[in-house]
């Protein structure tokens, strides 16, 4: 498995990565997430503003929400993925 990296170094190009974040109950979670810029959100349609830009993940099979991850690693577990 690739080592965790600071979230500040994660790609913000819309690619999916594995992130680690803490929920409101203090529980650490691991999720596949992607950074969505305001331009990307608006291109998908709907009424978005600057506060909606950020990291988005599915919290269950049907619900997406904006999260505040603390670290990340490549979504792939392939050997050498973190080279």
N, C-alpha and C. Protein backbone atom coordinates (compact mmCIF):
# COMPACT_ATOMS: atom_id res chain seq x y z
N UNK A 1 0.84 -1.17 0.00
CA UNK A 1 0.00 0.00 0.00
C UNK A 1 0.89 1.24 0.00
N UNK A 2 0.49 2.24 -0.74
CA UNK A 2 1.24 3.48 -0.82
C UNK A 2 1.15 4.23 0.51
N UNK A 3 2.20 4.97 0.82
CA UNK A 3 2.22 5.76 2.05
C UNK A 3 1.27 6.95 1.93
N UNK A 4 0.72 7.36 3.05
CA UNK A 4 -0.14 8.54 3.08
C UNK A 4 0.70 9.79 2.88
N UNK A 5 0.09 10.78 2.22
CA UNK A 5 0.76 12.05 1.97
C UNK A 5 -0.12 13.18 2.48
N UNK A 6 0.45 14.35 2.77
CA UNK A 6 -0.36 15.49 3.20
C UNK A 6 -1.38 15.85 2.12
N UNK A 7 -2.60 16.21 2.53
CA UNK A 7 -3.66 16.49 1.57
C UNK A 7 -3.30 17.67 0.66
N UNK A 8 -2.45 18.55 1.12
CA UNK A 8 -2.04 19.70 0.29
C UNK A 8 -1.32 19.26 -0.98
N UNK A 9 -0.79 18.03 -0.99
CA UNK A 9 -0.05 17.55 -2.16
C UNK A 9 -0.91 16.71 -3.11
N UNK A 10 -2.18 16.53 -2.77
CA UNK A 10 -3.08 15.69 -3.59
C UNK A 10 -3.43 16.38 -4.91
N UNK A 11 -3.64 15.60 -5.96
CA UNK A 11 -4.02 16.19 -7.25
C UNK A 11 -5.41 16.81 -7.18
N UNK A 12 -5.56 17.95 -7.80
CA UNK A 12 -6.85 18.66 -7.82
C UNK A 12 -7.39 18.74 -9.24
N UNK A 13 -7.07 17.73 -10.05
CA UNK A 13 -7.47 17.70 -11.45
C UNK A 13 -8.72 16.87 -11.69
N UNK A 14 -9.41 16.46 -10.62
CA UNK A 14 -10.60 15.64 -10.76
C UNK A 14 -10.34 14.15 -10.69
N UNK A 15 -9.06 13.76 -10.59
CA UNK A 15 -8.77 12.33 -10.48
C UNK A 15 -9.18 11.82 -9.10
N UNK A 16 -9.48 10.55 -9.02
CA UNK A 16 -9.93 9.95 -7.76
C UNK A 16 -8.73 9.42 -6.99
N UNK A 17 -8.72 9.72 -5.70
CA UNK A 17 -7.66 9.26 -4.81
C UNK A 17 -8.32 8.73 -3.53
N UNK A 18 -7.56 7.99 -2.75
CA UNK A 18 -8.04 7.56 -1.45
C UNK A 18 -7.67 8.63 -0.44
N UNK A 19 -8.66 9.08 0.34
CA UNK A 19 -8.41 10.11 1.35
C UNK A 19 -8.78 9.59 2.72
N UNK A 20 -8.23 10.23 3.72
CA UNK A 20 -8.50 9.91 5.12
C UNK A 20 -9.04 11.17 5.78
N UNK A 21 -10.18 11.03 6.46
CA UNK A 21 -10.85 12.18 7.06
C UNK A 21 -11.56 11.77 8.33
N UNK A 22 -11.81 12.74 9.19
CA UNK A 22 -12.46 12.49 10.47
C UNK A 22 -13.89 13.01 10.41
N UNK A 23 -14.85 12.18 10.82
CA UNK A 23 -16.25 12.62 10.80
C UNK A 23 -16.60 13.38 12.08
N UNK A 24 -17.84 13.83 12.17
CA UNK A 24 -18.26 14.65 13.31
C UNK A 24 -18.25 13.88 14.63
N UNK A 25 -18.20 12.55 14.58
CA UNK A 25 -18.10 11.74 15.79
C UNK A 25 -16.65 11.44 16.17
N UNK A 26 -15.70 11.98 15.39
CA UNK A 26 -14.29 11.75 15.67
C UNK A 26 -13.74 10.46 15.11
N UNK A 27 -14.53 9.77 14.28
CA UNK A 27 -14.10 8.50 13.70
C UNK A 27 -13.32 8.77 12.41
N UNK A 28 -12.15 8.13 12.28
CA UNK A 28 -11.37 8.26 11.05
C UNK A 28 -12.00 7.39 9.96
N UNK A 29 -12.08 7.94 8.77
CA UNK A 29 -12.67 7.25 7.63
C UNK A 29 -11.69 7.23 6.47
N UNK A 30 -11.83 6.22 5.63
CA UNK A 30 -11.06 6.10 4.39
C UNK A 30 -12.07 6.03 3.26
N UNK A 31 -11.93 6.91 2.27
CA UNK A 31 -12.88 6.96 1.16
C UNK A 31 -12.17 7.30 -0.14
N UNK A 32 -12.77 6.87 -1.25
CA UNK A 32 -12.33 7.35 -2.55
C UNK A 32 -12.99 8.71 -2.73
N UNK A 33 -12.21 9.71 -3.11
CA UNK A 33 -12.75 11.06 -3.25
C UNK A 33 -12.09 11.74 -4.44
N UNK A 34 -12.67 12.87 -4.83
CA UNK A 34 -12.06 13.70 -5.86
C UNK A 34 -12.29 15.16 -5.52
N UNK A 35 -11.31 15.98 -5.91
CA UNK A 35 -11.43 17.41 -5.71
C UNK A 35 -12.26 17.97 -6.85
N UNK A 36 -13.25 18.75 -6.52
CA UNK A 36 -14.11 19.37 -7.53
C UNK A 36 -14.00 20.89 -7.42
N UNK A 37 -13.44 21.48 -8.47
CA UNK A 37 -13.33 22.93 -8.53
C UNK A 37 -14.70 23.53 -8.81
N UNK A 38 -14.86 24.82 -8.58
CA UNK A 38 -16.12 25.50 -8.86
C UNK A 38 -16.47 25.38 -10.34
N UNK A 39 -15.49 25.51 -11.23
CA UNK A 39 -15.74 25.37 -12.67
C UNK A 39 -16.27 23.98 -13.01
N UNK A 40 -15.69 22.95 -12.41
CA UNK A 40 -16.13 21.57 -12.67
C UNK A 40 -17.56 21.36 -12.15
N UNK A 41 -17.86 21.89 -10.98
CA UNK A 41 -19.20 21.76 -10.43
C UNK A 41 -20.24 22.46 -11.31
N UNK A 42 -19.92 23.69 -11.74
CA UNK A 42 -20.86 24.43 -12.58
C UNK A 42 -21.07 23.74 -13.92
N UNK A 43 -20.04 23.11 -14.45
CA UNK A 43 -20.15 22.42 -15.74
C UNK A 43 -21.13 21.24 -15.64
N UNK A 44 -21.27 20.67 -14.45
CA UNK A 44 -22.19 19.55 -14.24
C UNK A 44 -23.63 20.02 -14.09
N UNK A 45 -23.82 21.32 -13.94
CA UNK A 45 -25.16 21.87 -13.78
C UNK A 45 -25.49 22.13 -12.31
N UNK A 46 -26.50 22.90 -12.08
CA UNK A 46 -26.92 23.21 -10.72
C UNK A 46 -26.45 24.57 -10.27
N UNK A 47 -26.81 24.91 -9.04
CA UNK A 47 -26.51 26.22 -8.46
C UNK A 47 -25.39 26.05 -7.44
N UNK A 48 -24.15 26.35 -7.82
CA UNK A 48 -22.98 26.17 -6.98
C UNK A 48 -22.33 27.51 -6.67
N UNK A 49 -21.65 27.60 -5.54
CA UNK A 49 -20.84 28.80 -5.26
C UNK A 49 -19.48 28.36 -4.74
N UNK A 50 -18.62 29.31 -4.46
CA UNK A 50 -17.23 28.99 -4.10
C UNK A 50 -17.11 28.09 -2.88
N UNK A 51 -18.07 28.14 -1.97
CA UNK A 51 -17.99 27.30 -0.77
C UNK A 51 -18.21 25.81 -1.09
N UNK A 52 -18.71 25.50 -2.29
CA UNK A 52 -18.94 24.11 -2.68
C UNK A 52 -17.70 23.44 -3.26
N UNK A 53 -16.71 24.21 -3.68
CA UNK A 53 -15.48 23.63 -4.22
C UNK A 53 -14.75 22.90 -3.10
N UNK A 54 -14.17 21.75 -3.42
CA UNK A 54 -13.41 21.00 -2.42
C UNK A 54 -13.46 19.52 -2.68
N UNK A 55 -13.16 18.75 -1.65
CA UNK A 55 -13.11 17.29 -1.73
C UNK A 55 -14.49 16.70 -1.50
N UNK A 56 -14.93 15.83 -2.42
CA UNK A 56 -16.23 15.18 -2.34
C UNK A 56 -16.04 13.67 -2.36
N UNK A 57 -16.82 12.98 -1.51
CA UNK A 57 -16.75 11.53 -1.41
C UNK A 57 -18.15 10.97 -1.16
N UNK A 58 -18.35 9.72 -1.56
CA UNK A 58 -19.58 9.01 -1.19
C UNK A 58 -19.43 8.56 0.26
N UNK A 59 -20.40 8.91 1.09
CA UNK A 59 -20.37 8.48 2.48
C UNK A 59 -21.17 7.20 2.67
N UNK A 60 -21.98 6.85 1.67
CA UNK A 60 -22.64 5.55 1.58
C UNK A 60 -22.93 5.33 0.10
N UNK A 61 -23.66 4.31 -0.23
CA UNK A 61 -23.89 3.98 -1.64
C UNK A 61 -24.68 5.00 -2.42
N UNK A 62 -25.31 5.96 -1.75
CA UNK A 62 -26.17 6.92 -2.44
C UNK A 62 -25.87 8.38 -2.13
N UNK A 63 -25.07 8.65 -1.12
CA UNK A 63 -24.91 10.01 -0.62
C UNK A 63 -23.48 10.51 -0.83
N UNK A 64 -23.37 11.65 -1.49
CA UNK A 64 -22.09 12.33 -1.61
C UNK A 64 -22.09 13.53 -0.68
N UNK A 65 -20.94 13.84 -0.13
CA UNK A 65 -20.83 15.05 0.68
C UNK A 65 -19.42 15.60 0.58
N UNK A 66 -19.33 16.86 0.85
CA UNK A 66 -18.03 17.53 0.88
C UNK A 66 -17.36 17.16 2.20
N UNK A 67 -16.09 16.79 2.13
CA UNK A 67 -15.34 16.40 3.32
C UNK A 67 -14.06 17.22 3.41
N UNK A 68 -13.41 17.14 4.56
CA UNK A 68 -12.14 17.83 4.79
C UNK A 68 -11.08 16.78 5.12
N UNK A 69 -10.49 16.16 4.10
CA UNK A 69 -9.49 15.12 4.38
C UNK A 69 -8.20 15.70 4.95
N UNK A 70 -7.46 14.83 5.66
CA UNK A 70 -6.19 15.25 6.25
C UNK A 70 -4.99 14.65 5.53
N UNK A 71 -5.22 13.54 4.81
CA UNK A 71 -4.13 12.92 4.06
C UNK A 71 -4.73 12.13 2.91
N UNK A 72 -3.84 11.64 2.03
CA UNK A 72 -4.29 10.91 0.84
C UNK A 72 -3.22 9.93 0.39
N UNK A 73 -3.61 9.04 -0.50
CA UNK A 73 -2.70 8.15 -1.22
C UNK A 73 -3.35 7.85 -2.56
N UNK A 74 -2.59 7.38 -3.54
CA UNK A 74 -3.20 7.01 -4.81
C UNK A 74 -4.31 5.99 -4.60
N UNK A 75 -5.36 6.06 -5.39
CA UNK A 75 -6.49 5.14 -5.24
C UNK A 75 -6.11 3.72 -5.58
N UNK A 76 -5.09 3.55 -6.43
CA UNK A 76 -4.66 2.22 -6.85
C UNK A 76 -3.73 1.61 -5.81
N UNK A 77 -3.90 0.31 -5.56
CA UNK A 77 -2.99 -0.40 -4.68
C UNK A 77 -1.92 -1.14 -5.46
N UNK A 78 -1.80 -0.84 -6.76
CA UNK A 78 -0.79 -1.49 -7.59
C UNK A 78 0.60 -1.20 -7.07
N UNK A 79 1.49 -2.19 -7.08
CA UNK A 79 2.87 -1.94 -6.67
C UNK A 79 3.48 -0.84 -7.53
N UNK A 80 4.18 0.05 -6.89
CA UNK A 80 4.82 1.14 -7.62
C UNK A 80 3.91 2.31 -7.90
N UNK A 81 2.67 2.29 -7.42
CA UNK A 81 1.73 3.38 -7.69
C UNK A 81 2.17 4.68 -7.06
N UNK A 82 3.00 4.60 -6.02
CA UNK A 82 3.43 5.84 -5.37
C UNK A 82 4.84 6.25 -5.78
N UNK A 83 5.35 5.69 -6.86
CA UNK A 83 6.69 6.05 -7.36
C UNK A 83 6.70 7.45 -7.93
